[in-house]
């Protein structure tokens, strides 16, 4: 399937097409792509869609947030119960999780 690809404000736009409308792909592009914006017509299999750094960072935060929250709650419960052994174990788990998060954060920021 062919698609129309163009860029607006640094973001890639990919238009999937319904060619049953009676217009050619070029006519659709001329009608729907903003005036003055260059576009390309290509096969959809050739389009690579890469998440932005902000999207990757947001996904990373979402992935780890619940884990940090669960550890904080478990730690509070252990401390309130006077269970220092469990609290120490949770602290170790927190340190390990924070290191994993930091490694993933650095990979995203360095473009890996």
Protein backbone atom coordinates (compact mmCIF):
# COMPACT_ATOMS: atom_id res chain seq x y z
CA UNK A 1 0.00 0.00 0.00
CA UNK A 2 1.26 3.46 -0.80
CA UNK A 3 1.25 6.29 1.74
CA UNK A 4 2.00 10.00 1.69
CA UNK A 5 4.78 11.07 4.06
CA UNK A 6 5.64 14.62 5.08
CA UNK A 7 7.00 16.53 8.06
CA UNK A 8 5.32 19.23 10.15
CA UNK A 9 7.10 20.98 13.05
CA UNK A 10 9.73 18.23 13.18
CA UNK A 11 7.16 15.43 13.34
CA UNK A 12 6.66 12.85 10.64
CA UNK A 13 3.12 12.52 9.28
CA UNK A 14 2.09 9.36 7.42
CA UNK A 15 -1.21 9.42 5.55
CA UNK A 16 -2.85 6.10 4.77
CA UNK A 17 -5.04 6.38 1.71
CA UNK A 18 -8.41 5.32 0.46
CA UNK A 19 -8.01 5.28 -3.30
CA UNK A 20 -11.68 4.33 -3.71
CA UNK A 21 -12.53 8.03 -3.42
CA UNK A 22 -11.95 8.63 -7.13
CA UNK A 23 -8.79 10.71 -6.71
CA UNK A 24 -5.26 9.68 -7.60
CA UNK A 25 -2.62 9.56 -4.90
CA UNK A 26 -1.09 12.78 -6.25
CA UNK A 27 -4.46 14.53 -6.19
CA UNK A 28 -4.99 13.45 -2.58
CA UNK A 29 -1.54 14.76 -1.66
CA UNK A 30 -2.17 18.10 -3.33
CA UNK A 31 -5.52 18.37 -1.55
CA UNK A 32 -4.51 17.18 1.94
CA UNK A 33 -0.83 18.04 2.48
CA UNK A 34 -0.47 21.59 3.83
CA UNK A 35 0.47 24.15 1.20
CA UNK A 36 4.22 24.54 0.69
CA UNK A 37 5.12 21.32 2.53
CA UNK A 38 7.17 18.79 0.58
CA UNK A 39 5.91 15.22 0.61
CA UNK A 40 6.94 11.80 -0.59
CA UNK A 41 4.81 8.94 -1.86
CA UNK A 42 6.19 5.57 -0.79
CA UNK A 43 5.29 2.00 0.08
CA UNK A 44 4.10 1.68 3.66
CA UNK A 45 6.66 -1.09 4.28
CA UNK A 46 9.44 1.42 3.64
CA UNK A 47 8.25 3.88 6.30
CA UNK A 48 10.08 3.62 9.59
CA UNK A 49 8.35 5.23 12.51
CA UNK A 50 10.73 6.01 15.35
CA UNK A 51 9.46 7.18 18.70
CA UNK A 52 10.76 10.57 19.78
CA UNK A 53 13.05 10.93 22.76
CA UNK A 54 10.20 12.48 24.75
CA UNK A 55 7.94 9.54 23.90
CA UNK A 56 10.64 7.07 24.93
CA UNK A 57 11.24 8.92 28.21
CA UNK A 58 7.53 9.00 28.95
CA UNK A 59 7.22 5.26 28.28
CA UNK A 60 10.22 4.59 30.51
CA UNK A 61 8.72 6.62 33.35
CA UNK A 62 5.40 4.81 32.97
CA UNK A 63 7.16 1.44 33.00
CA UNK A 64 9.11 2.14 36.20
CA UNK A 65 6.72 4.39 38.15
CA UNK A 66 4.49 1.59 39.41
CA UNK A 67 7.52 -0.47 40.46
CA UNK A 68 8.98 2.43 42.47
CA UNK A 69 5.58 3.09 44.07
CA UNK A 70 5.14 -0.57 45.04
CA UNK A 71 8.60 -0.64 46.63
CA UNK A 72 7.94 2.59 48.54
CA UNK A 73 4.66 1.20 49.89
CA UNK A 74 6.25 -2.11 50.84
CA UNK A 75 9.13 -0.29 52.55
CA UNK A 76 6.72 1.90 54.55
CA UNK A 77 4.75 -1.15 55.62
CA UNK A 78 7.91 -2.97 56.71
CA UNK A 79 9.16 0.04 58.69
CA UNK A 80 5.79 0.55 60.40
CA UNK A 81 5.75 -3.13 61.31
CA UNK A 82 9.28 -2.90 62.70
CA UNK A 83 10.54 -5.46 60.18
CA UNK A 84 14.04 -4.14 59.54
CA UNK A 85 15.15 -7.26 57.65
CA UNK A 86 12.43 -6.83 55.04
CA UNK A 87 13.01 -3.07 54.93
CA UNK A 88 16.71 -3.64 54.20
CA UNK A 89 15.84 -6.11 51.45
CA UNK A 90 13.44 -3.61 49.90
CA UNK A 91 16.14 -0.93 50.03
CA UNK A 92 18.41 -3.25 48.03
CA UNK A 93 15.61 -3.90 45.53
CA UNK A 94 15.07 -0.13 45.22
CA UNK A 95 18.77 0.50 44.60
CA UNK A 96 18.83 -2.22 41.91
CA UNK A 97 15.69 -0.87 40.25
CA UNK A 98 17.06 2.68 40.30
CA UNK A 99 20.27 1.46 38.61
CA UNK A 100 18.24 -0.32 35.91
CA UNK A 101 16.17 2.82 35.36
CA UNK A 102 19.27 5.00 35.17
CA UNK A 103 20.88 2.67 32.60
CA UNK A 104 17.75 2.76 30.44
CA UNK A 105 17.50 6.55 30.83
CA UNK A 106 21.12 7.03 29.72
CA UNK A 107 20.54 4.75 26.70
CA UNK A 108 17.58 6.85 25.58
CA UNK A 109 19.41 10.15 26.12
CA UNK A 110 22.42 8.94 24.16
CA UNK A 111 20.23 7.85 21.25
CA UNK A 112 20.66 4.08 21.62
